[in-house]
Amino acid sequence: MDEAGDLMVVGRISKEERFKVNGDVVYGPPIETVMRQNPHIHNIAVLGRNSGTLYGHEIIYCIM
């Protein structure tokens, strides 16, 4: 976070970051690549968080 209070995503811990959703393995970067083809999306970050259920992760995305 900078002095103005803006939060910036600068990279990933792992390029092979993967999430398990309903038993399927989902990778964030391919989703980002497809969504960036939309001219209204300037940047996107796909993240996952543990859903706390047997289904695995929930996919969370931030569109800028």
PDB file of N, CA and C in Angstrom:
ATOM      1  N   MET A   1       0.854  -1.164   0.000  1.00  0.00           N
ATOM      2  CA  MET A   1       0.000   0.000   0.000  1.00  0.00           C
ATOM      3  C   MET A   1       0.905   1.233   0.000  1.00  0.00           C
ATOM      4  N   ASP A   2       0.571   2.172  -0.876  1.00  0.00           N
ATOM      5  CA  ASP A   2       1.391   3.371  -0.939  1.00  0.00           C
ATOM      6  C   ASP A   2       0.851   4.457  -0.005  1.00  0.00           C
ATOM      7  N   GLU A   3       1.464   5.638  -0.054  1.00  0.00           N
ATOM      8  CA  GLU A   3       1.102   6.731   0.841  1.00  0.00           C
ATOM      9  C   GLU A   3      -0.330   7.208   0.624  1.00  0.00           C
ATOM     10  N   ALA A   4      -0.858   7.057  -0.592  1.00  0.00           N
ATOM     11  CA  ALA A   4      -2.221   7.490  -0.900  1.00  0.00           C
ATOM     12  C   ALA A   4      -3.260   6.454  -0.490  1.00  0.00           C
ATOM     13  N   GLY A   5      -2.802   5.305   0.006  1.00  0.00           N
ATOM     14  CA  GLY A   5      -3.718   4.262   0.420  1.00  0.00           C
ATOM     15  C   GLY A   5      -4.115   3.312  -0.692  1.00  0.00           C
ATOM     16  N   ASP A   6      -3.441   3.412  -1.849  1.00  0.00           N
ATOM     17  CA  ASP A   6      -3.737   2.520  -2.971  1.00  0.00           C
ATOM     18  C   ASP A   6      -3.002   1.203  -2.796  1.00  0.00           C
ATOM     19  N   LEU A   7      -3.698   0.118  -3.068  1.00  0.00           N
ATOM     20  CA  LEU A   7      -3.129  -1.216  -2.967  1.00  0.00           C
ATOM     21  C   LEU A   7      -2.763  -1.682  -4.360  1.00  0.00           C
ATOM     22  N   MET A   8      -1.560  -2.222  -4.520  1.00  0.00           N
ATOM     23  CA  MET A   8      -1.090  -2.658  -5.830  1.00  0.00           C
ATOM     24  C   MET A   8      -0.692  -4.122  -5.767  1.00  0.00           C
ATOM     25  N   VAL A   9      -1.169  -4.912  -6.742  1.00  0.00           N
ATOM     26  CA  VAL A   9      -0.759  -6.299  -6.875  1.00  0.00           C
ATOM     27  C   VAL A   9       0.418  -6.309  -7.836  1.00  0.00           C
ATOM     28  N   VAL A  10       1.562  -6.810  -7.399  1.00  0.00           N
ATOM     29  CA  VAL A  10       2.768  -6.740  -8.220  1.00  0.00           C
ATOM     30  C   VAL A  10       3.248  -8.089  -8.720  1.00  0.00           C
ATOM     31  N   GLY A  11       2.628  -9.151  -8.303  1.00  0.00           N
ATOM     32  CA  GLY A  11       3.055 -10.453  -8.786  1.00  0.00           C
ATOM     33  C   GLY A  11       2.466 -11.579  -7.960  1.00  0.00           C
ATOM     34  N   ARG A  12       2.875 -12.772  -8.314  1.00  0.00           N
ATOM     35  CA  ARG A  12       2.404 -13.967  -7.631  1.00  0.00           C
ATOM     36  C   ARG A  12       3.553 -14.617  -6.873  1.00  0.00           C
ATOM     37  N   ILE A  13       3.207 -15.346  -5.846  1.00  0.00           N
ATOM     38  CA  ILE A  13       4.216 -16.141  -5.142  1.00  0.00           C
ATOM     39  C   ILE A  13       4.663 -17.265  -6.062  1.00  0.00           C
ATOM     40  N   SER A  14       3.712 -17.853  -6.781  1.00  0.00           N
ATOM     41  CA  SER A  14       4.009 -18.976  -7.656  1.00  0.00           C
ATOM     42  C   SER A  14       3.269 -18.808  -8.971  1.00  0.00           C
ATOM     43  N   LYS A  15       3.941 -19.003 -10.087  1.00  0.00           N
ATOM     44  CA  LYS A  15       3.290 -18.937 -11.398  1.00  0.00           C
ATOM     45  C   LYS A  15       2.340 -20.110 -11.600  1.00  0.00           C
ATOM     46  N   GLU A  16       2.529 -21.168 -10.851  1.00  0.00           N
ATOM     47  CA  GLU A  16       1.693 -22.359 -10.967  1.00  0.00           C
ATOM     48  C   GLU A  16       0.628 -22.400  -9.884  1.00  0.00           C
ATOM     49  N   GLU A  17       0.211 -21.229  -9.423  1.00  0.00           N
ATOM     50  CA  GLU A  17      -0.808 -21.185  -8.381  1.00  0.00           C
ATOM     51  C   GLU A  17      -2.078 -21.849  -8.895  1.00  0.00           C
ATOM     52  N   ARG A  18      -2.576 -22.799  -8.121  1.00  0.00           N
ATOM     53  CA  ARG A  18      -3.764 -23.529  -8.561  1.00  0.00           C
ATOM     54  C   ARG A  18      -4.756 -23.633  -7.408  1.00  0.00           C
ATOM     55  N   PHE A  19      -6.001 -23.783  -7.803  1.00  0.00           N
ATOM     56  CA  PHE A  19      -7.077 -23.873  -6.842  1.00  0.00           C
ATOM     57  C   PHE A  19      -7.903 -25.107  -7.156  1.00  0.00           C
ATOM     58  N   LYS A  20      -8.464 -25.696  -6.158  1.00  0.00           N
ATOM     59  CA  LYS A  20      -9.355 -26.838  -6.360  1.00  0.00           C
ATOM     60  C   LYS A  20     -10.782 -26.338  -6.175  1.00  0.00           C
ATOM     61  N   VAL A  21     -11.579 -26.453  -7.239  1.00  0.00           N
ATOM     62  CA  VAL A  21     -12.962 -25.990  -7.226  1.00  0.00           C
ATOM     63  C   VAL A  21     -13.855 -27.162  -7.618  1.00  0.00           C
ATOM     64  N   ASN A  22     -14.719 -27.574  -6.711  1.00  0.00           N
ATOM     65  CA  ASN A  22     -15.623 -28.705  -6.953  1.00  0.00           C
ATOM     66  C   ASN A  22     -14.881 -29.927  -7.477  1.00  0.00           C
ATOM     67  N   GLY A  23     -13.678 -30.163  -6.981  1.00  0.00           N
ATOM     68  CA  GLY A  23     -12.896 -31.326  -7.375  1.00  0.00           C
ATOM     69  C   GLY A  23     -12.032 -31.125  -8.600  1.00  0.00           C
ATOM     70  N   ASP A  24     -12.180 -29.996  -9.310  1.00  0.00           N
ATOM     71  CA  ASP A  24     -11.364 -29.702 -10.488  1.00  0.00           C
ATOM     72  C   ASP A  24     -10.237 -28.751 -10.114  1.00  0.00           C
ATOM     73  N   VAL A  25      -9.096 -28.899 -10.763  1.00  0.00           N
ATOM     74  CA  VAL A  25      -7.980 -27.989 -10.539  1.00  0.00           C
ATOM     75  C   VAL A  25      -8.099 -26.832 -11.523  1.00  0.00           C
ATOM     76  N   VAL A  26      -8.055 -25.603 -11.004  1.00  0.00           N
ATOM     77  CA  VAL A  26      -8.197 -24.388 -11.803  1.00  0.00           C
ATOM     78  C   VAL A  26      -6.948 -23.541 -11.597  1.00  0.00           C
ATOM     79  N   TYR A  27      -6.380 -23.028 -12.684  1.00  0.00           N
ATOM     80  CA  TYR A  27      -5.202 -22.158 -12.621  1.00  0.00           C
ATOM     81  C   TYR A  27      -5.625 -20.719 -12.874  1.00  0.00           C
ATOM     82  N   GLY A  28      -5.092 -19.790 -12.092  1.00  0.00           N
ATOM     83  CA  GLY A  28      -5.450 -18.380 -12.219  1.00  0.00           C
ATOM     84  C   GLY A  28      -4.993 -17.708 -13.502  1.00  0.00           C
ATOM     85  N   PRO A  29      -3.721 -17.851 -13.931  1.00  0.00           N
ATOM     86  CA  PRO A  29      -3.247 -17.115 -15.101  1.00  0.00           C
ATOM     87  C   PRO A  29      -4.046 -17.343 -16.390  1.00  0.00           C
ATOM     88  N   PRO A  30      -4.495 -18.554 -16.734  1.00  0.00           N
ATOM     89  CA  PRO A  30      -5.294 -18.692 -17.956  1.00  0.00           C
ATOM     90  C   PRO A  30      -6.624 -17.938 -17.901  1.00  0.00           C
ATOM     91  N   ILE A  31      -7.240 -17.872 -16.721  1.00  0.00           N
ATOM     92  CA  ILE A  31      -8.477 -17.110 -16.573  1.00  0.00           C
ATOM     93  C   ILE A  31      -8.196 -15.631 -16.807  1.00  0.00           C
ATOM     94  N   GLU A  32      -7.098 -15.136 -16.249  1.00  0.00           N
ATOM     95  CA  GLU A  32      -6.723 -13.733 -16.424  1.00  0.00           C
ATOM     96  C   GLU A  32      -6.473 -13.420 -17.894  1.00  0.00           C
ATOM     97  N   THR A  33      -5.807 -14.319 -18.601  1.00  0.00           N
ATOM     98  CA  THR A  33      -5.492 -14.104 -20.017  1.00  0.00           C
ATOM     99  C   THR A  33      -6.766 -13.956 -20.840  1.00  0.00           C
ATOM    100  N   VAL A  34      -7.731 -14.824 -20.607  1.00  0.00           N
ATOM    101  CA  VAL A  34      -8.989 -14.756 -21.356  1.00  0.00           C
ATOM    102  C   VAL A  34      -9.762 -13.493 -21.011  1.00  0.00           C
ATOM    103  N   MET A  35      -9.837 -13.152 -19.750  1.00  0.00           N
ATOM    104  CA  MET A  35     -10.614 -11.979 -19.345  1.00  0.00           C
ATOM    105  C   MET A  35      -9.987 -10.672 -19.812  1.00  0.00           C
ATOM    106  N   ARG A  36      -8.660 -10.643 -19.972  1.00  0.00           N
ATOM    107  CA  ARG A  36      -7.993  -9.429 -20.458  1.00  0.00           C
ATOM    108  C   ARG A  36      -8.322  -9.134 -21.925  1.00  0.00           C
ATOM    109  N   GLN A  37      -8.910 -10.086 -22.638  1.00  0.00           N
ATOM    110  CA  GLN A  37      -9.301  -9.849 -24.027  1.00  0.00           C
ATOM    111  C   GLN A  37     -10.498  -8.906 -24.120  1.00  0.00           C
ATOM    112  N   ASN A  38     -11.221  -8.733 -23.031  1.00  0.00           N
ATOM    113  CA  ASN A  38     -12.329  -7.787 -23.005  1.00  0.00           C
ATOM    114  C   ASN A  38     -11.755  -6.378 -22.964  1.00  0.00           C
ATOM    115  N   PRO A  39     -12.131  -5.500 -23.907  1.00  0.00           N
ATOM    116  CA  PRO A  39     -11.544  -4.155 -23.945  1.00  0.00           C
ATOM    117  C   PRO A  39     -11.892  -3.297 -22.736  1.00  0.00           C
ATOM    118  N   HIS A  40     -12.889  -3.654 -21.958  1.00  0.00           N
ATOM    119  CA  HIS A  40     -13.274  -2.874 -20.783  1.00  0.00           C
ATOM    120  C   HIS A  40     -12.482  -3.257 -19.540  1.00  0.00           C
ATOM    121  N   ILE A  41     -11.710  -4.332 -19.619  1.00  0.00           N
ATOM    122  CA  ILE A  41     -10.911  -4.784 -18.484  1.00  0.00           C
ATOM    123  C   ILE A  41      -9.466  -4.373 -18.716  1.00  0.00           C
ATOM    124  N   HIS A  42      -8.957  -3.504 -17.850  1.00  0.00           N
ATOM    125  CA  HIS A  42      -7.575  -3.032 -17.980  1.00  0.00           C
ATOM    126  C   HIS A  42      -6.599  -3.993 -17.321  1.00  0.00           C
ATOM    127  N   ASN A  43      -6.991  -4.526 -16.189  1.00  0.00           N
ATOM    128  CA  ASN A  43      -6.138  -5.484 -15.487  1.00  0.00           C
ATOM    129  C   ASN A  43      -7.019  -6.337 -14.593  1.00  0.00           C
ATOM    130  N   ILE A  44      -6.551  -7.518 -14.273  1.00  0.00           N
ATOM    131  CA  ILE A  44      -7.325  -8.439 -13.445  1.00  0.00           C
ATOM    132  C   ILE A  44      -6.373  -9.302 -12.630  1.00  0.00           C
ATOM    133  N   ALA A  45      -6.818  -9.672 -11.456  1.00  0.00           N
ATOM    134  CA  ALA A  45      -6.073 -10.606 -10.619  1.00  0.00           C
ATOM    135  C   ALA A  45      -7.053 -11.678 -10.154  1.00  0.00           C
ATOM    136  N   VAL A  46      -6.747 -12.934 -10.427  1.00  0.00           N
ATOM    137  CA  VAL A  46      -7.584 -14.049 -10.006  1.00  0.00           C
ATOM    138  C   VAL A  46      -6.937 -14.683  -8.787  1.00  0.00           C
ATOM    139  N   LEU A  47      -7.708 -14.801  -7.738  1.00  0.00           N
ATOM    140  CA  LEU A  47      -7.231 -15.351  -6.479  1.00  0.00           C
ATOM    141  C   LEU A  47      -8.193 -16.432  -6.027  1.00  0.00           C
ATOM    142  N   GLY A  48      -7.764 -17.249  -5.114  1.00  0.00           N
ATOM    143  CA  GLY A  48      -8.648 -18.250  -4.528  1.00  0.00           C
ATOM    144  C   GLY A  48      -8.595 -18.162  -3.028  1.00  0.00           C
ATOM    145  N   ARG A  49      -9.693 -18.525  -2.414  1.00  0.00           N
ATOM    146  CA  ARG A  49      -9.678 -18.588  -0.952  1.00  0.00           C
ATOM    147  C   ARG A  49     -10.368 -19.872  -0.537  1.00  0.00           C
ATOM    148  N   ASN A  50      -9.934 -20.407   0.550  1.00  0.00           N
ATOM    149  CA  ASN A  50     -10.498 -21.647   1.052  1.00  0.00           C
ATOM    150  C   ASN A  50     -11.945 -21.393   1.437  1.00  0.00           C
ATOM    151  N   SER A  51     -12.839 -22.196   0.898  1.00  0.00           N
ATOM    152  CA  SER A  51     -14.265 -22.002   1.158  1.00  0.00           C
ATOM    153  C   SER A  51     -14.691 -22.562   2.507  1.00  0.00           C
ATOM    154  N   GLY A  52     -13.844 -23.382   3.113  1.00  0.00           N
ATOM    155  CA  GLY A  52     -14.190 -23.982   4.388  1.00  0.00           C
ATOM    156  C   GLY A  52     -15.177 -25.131   4.253  1.00  0.00           C
ATOM    157  N   THR A  53     -15.389 -25.586   3.012  1.00  0.00           N
ATOM    158  CA  THR A  53     -16.292 -26.706   2.759  1.00  0.00           C
ATOM    159  C   THR A  53     -15.526 -27.805   2.043  1.00  0.00           C
ATOM    160  N   LEU A  54     -16.208 -28.870   1.713  1.00  0.00           N
ATOM    161  CA  LEU A  54     -15.584 -29.965   0.977  1.00  0.00           C
ATOM    162  C   LEU A  54     -15.335 -29.624  -0.484  1.00  0.00           C
ATOM    163  N   TYR A  55     -15.884 -28.496  -0.957  1.00  0.00           N
ATOM    164  CA  TYR A  55     -15.766 -28.134  -2.373  1.00  0.00           C
ATOM    165  C   TYR A  55     -14.432 -27.501  -2.725  1.00  0.00           C
ATOM    166  N   GLY A  56     -13.607 -27.175  -1.757  1.00  0.00           N
ATOM    167  CA  GLY A  56     -12.289 -26.615  -2.040  1.00  0.00           C
ATOM    168  C   GLY A  56     -12.260 -25.101  -1.935  1.00  0.00           C
ATOM    169  N   HIS A  57     -11.819 -24.448  -3.011  1.00  0.00           N
ATOM    170  CA  HIS A  57     -11.642 -22.998  -3.019  1.00  0.00           C
ATOM    171  C   HIS A  57     -12.807 -22.284  -3.687  1.00  0.00           C
ATOM    172  N   GLU A  58     -12.940 -21.017  -3.352  1.00  0.00           N
ATOM    173  CA  GLU A  58     -13.812 -20.109  -4.082  1.00  0.00           C
ATOM    174  C   GLU A  58     -12.897 -19.231  -4.919  1.00  0.00           C
ATOM    175  N   ILE A  59     -13.265 -18.996  -6.161  1.00  0.00           N
ATOM    176  CA  ILE A  59     -12.462 -18.124  -7.024  1.00  0.00           C
ATOM    177  C   ILE A  59     -12.895 -16.688  -6.777  1.00  0.00           C
ATOM    178  N   ILE A  60     -11.932 -15.852  -6.494  1.00  0.00           N
ATOM    179  CA  ILE A  60     -12.151 -14.437  -6.260  1.00  0.00           C
ATOM    180  C   ILE A  60     -11.367 -13.683  -7.322  1.00  0.00           C
ATOM    181  N   TYR A  61     -11.942 -12.691  -7.960  1.00  0.00           N
ATOM    182  CA  TYR A  61     -11.195 -11.917  -8.938  1.00  0.00           C
ATOM    183  C   TYR A  61     -11.420 -10.433  -8.714  1.00  0.00           C
ATOM    184  N   CYS A  62     -10.400  -9.672  -9.012  1.00  0.00           N
ATOM    185  CA  CYS A  62     -10.430  -8.220  -8.894  1.00  0.00           C
ATOM    186  C   CYS A  62     -10.239  -7.649 -10.291  1.00  0.00           C
ATOM    187  N   ILE A  63     -11.185  -6.875 -10.742  1.00  0.00           N
ATOM    188  CA  ILE A  63     -11.108  -6.278 -12.082  1.00  0.00           C
ATOM    189  C   ILE A  63     -10.838  -4.797 -11.938  1.00  0.00           C
ATOM    190  N   MET A  64      -9.877  -4.318 -12.746  1.00  0.00           N
ATOM    191  CA  MET A  64      -9.548  -2.902 -12.737  1.00  0.00           C
ATOM    192  C   MET A  64      -9.685  -2.341 -14.124  1.00  0.00           C
TER     193      MET A  64
END
